[in-house]
Amino acid sequence: MRTFMREPALVINTVSAALSLLVTFQFGLSTEQAGSIVAVVSAVFAAVAAAVTRPIAPNAFTGLVAAVAVLVAAFGFEVAPETVGAVNGLVLAALALLSRGQVTPSKPDAPAAGA
């Protein structure tokens, strides 16, 4: 829990990328369906990350860029669902690392687990 309290944006974006990857394991979804699900997952998890960090803007921007990138990949190009997941993972990883130093937990004085 200590890691989550110190790095909520990084943890949430990692979970979002993992769930997006899970969607692309060929469960009979079309590229458009996979892209839509991945975009919604990215947007929802970005909203959660924005809610637990301050300032809100970096994580809101991360979610917007990730969702748009996935939708462009899914609807703008003829790519496989695996590529949609890869695009989302790459965008989330890059933006999470870039925004990591710009955000802090919304309650930085909250006690860490075990303290």
Protein backbone atom coordinates (compact mmCIF):
# COMPACT_ATOMS: atom_id res chain seq x y z
CA MET A 1 0.00 0.00 0.00
CA ARG A 2 2.94 2.32 0.59
CA THR A 3 3.77 2.31 -3.13
CA PHE A 4 0.19 3.15 -4.05
CA MET A 5 0.12 6.07 -1.63
CA ARG A 6 3.38 7.46 -3.00
CA GLU A 7 2.87 6.67 -6.70
CA PRO A 8 -0.89 6.44 -7.35
CA ALA A 9 -0.68 7.66 -10.95
CA LEU A 10 2.02 5.17 -11.88
CA VAL A 11 0.20 2.24 -10.27
CA ILE A 12 -3.18 3.13 -11.80
CA ASN A 13 -1.71 3.62 -15.29
CA THR A 14 0.10 0.27 -15.01
CA VAL A 15 -3.16 -1.49 -14.08
CA SER A 16 -4.91 0.29 -16.96
CA ALA A 17 -2.27 -0.88 -19.44
CA ALA A 18 -2.52 -4.46 -18.08
CA LEU A 19 -6.30 -4.50 -18.45
CA SER A 20 -5.97 -3.09 -21.96
CA LEU A 21 -3.55 -5.88 -22.81
CA LEU A 22 -6.01 -8.44 -21.48
CA VAL A 23 -8.69 -7.15 -23.88
CA THR A 24 -6.48 -7.83 -26.89
CA PHE A 25 -6.04 -11.58 -26.26
CA GLN A 26 -8.47 -12.47 -29.03
CA PHE A 27 -11.69 -13.11 -27.19
CA GLY A 28 -13.56 -12.84 -30.48
CA LEU A 29 -13.53 -9.04 -30.46
CA SER A 30 -13.17 -6.98 -33.60
CA THR A 31 -10.54 -4.27 -33.78
CA GLU A 32 -13.22 -1.63 -33.24
CA GLN A 33 -14.68 -3.41 -30.21
CA ALA A 34 -11.25 -3.92 -28.66
CA GLY A 35 -10.34 -0.31 -29.36
CA SER A 36 -13.54 0.96 -27.78
CA ILE A 37 -13.06 -1.13 -24.64
CA VAL A 38 -9.41 -0.12 -24.31
CA ALA A 39 -10.30 3.56 -24.80
CA VAL A 40 -12.99 3.39 -22.11
CA VAL A 41 -10.62 1.59 -19.70
CA SER A 42 -7.94 4.23 -20.33
CA ALA A 43 -10.37 7.10 -19.82
CA VAL A 44 -11.90 5.67 -16.62
CA PHE A 45 -8.53 4.85 -15.07
CA ALA A 46 -7.22 8.31 -16.01
CA ALA A 47 -10.20 9.86 -14.24
CA VAL A 48 -9.42 7.78 -11.14
CA ALA A 49 -5.74 8.75 -11.31
CA ALA A 50 -6.69 12.41 -11.69
CA ALA A 51 -8.98 12.14 -8.68
CA VAL A 52 -6.26 10.78 -6.39
CA THR A 53 -3.48 13.13 -7.48
CA ARG A 54 -2.87 16.85 -7.61
CA PRO A 55 -2.74 18.71 -9.91
CA ILE A 56 -5.43 17.01 -11.95
CA ALA A 57 -4.31 18.20 -15.40
CA PRO A 58 -1.34 15.85 -16.07
CA ASN A 59 -3.37 12.69 -15.51
CA ALA A 60 -6.40 14.02 -17.32
CA PHE A 61 -4.13 14.82 -20.28
CA THR A 62 -2.55 11.35 -20.09
CA GLY A 63 -5.96 9.69 -20.25
CA LEU A 64 -7.13 11.87 -23.10
CA VAL A 65 -4.03 11.21 -25.19
CA ALA A 66 -4.14 7.46 -24.48
CA ALA A 67 -7.84 7.19 -25.37
CA VAL A 68 -7.43 9.23 -28.56
CA ALA A 69 -4.36 7.24 -29.62
CA VAL A 70 -6.24 3.97 -29.17
CA LEU A 71 -9.30 5.24 -31.03
CA VAL A 72 -7.14 6.48 -33.92
CA ALA A 73 -5.38 3.11 -34.08
CA ALA A 74 -8.67 1.19 -33.92
CA PHE A 75 -10.78 3.29 -36.24
CA GLY A 76 -8.26 5.16 -38.37
CA PHE A 77 -6.05 2.29 -39.45
CA GLU A 78 -6.51 -1.35 -40.29
CA VAL A 79 -4.56 -2.86 -37.40
CA ALA A 80 -4.96 -5.98 -35.27
CA PRO A 81 -6.39 -5.78 -31.75
CA GLU A 82 -2.92 -6.67 -30.47
CA THR A 83 -1.56 -3.50 -32.05
CA VAL A 84 -4.30 -1.47 -30.37
CA GLY A 85 -3.19 -2.87 -27.00
CA ALA A 86 0.45 -2.24 -27.80
CA VAL A 87 -0.27 1.38 -28.75
CA ASN A 88 -2.16 1.91 -25.51
CA GLY A 89 0.57 0.28 -23.42
CA LEU A 90 3.29 2.37 -25.01
CA VAL A 91 1.37 5.64 -24.69
CA LEU A 92 0.38 4.96 -21.08
CA ALA A 93 3.90 3.93 -20.09
CA ALA A 94 5.54 6.94 -21.71
CA LEU A 95 3.03 9.46 -20.37
CA ALA A 96 2.95 7.91 -16.89
CA LEU A 97 6.71 8.24 -16.63
CA LEU A 98 6.58 11.82 -17.89
CA SER A 99 3.77 12.89 -15.57
CA ARG A 100 5.13 10.99 -12.55
CA GLY A 101 7.28 13.88 -11.35
CA GLN A 102 4.52 16.41 -11.86
CA VAL A 103 1.86 14.91 -9.61
CA THR A 104 1.58 14.01 -5.95
CA PRO A 105 -1.06 12.06 -4.02
CA SER A 106 -4.09 14.21 -3.22
CA LYS A 107 -3.50 13.48 0.48
CA PRO A 108 0.30 13.57 0.83
CA ASP A 109 0.03 13.59 4.63
CA ALA A 110 -1.95 10.33 4.69
CA PRO A 111 -0.20 7.68 6.76
CA ALA A 112 1.59 4.98 4.83
CA ALA A 113 0.72 1.35 5.50
CA GLY A 114 2.64 -0.05 8.42
CA ALA A 115 3.55 3.37 9.78
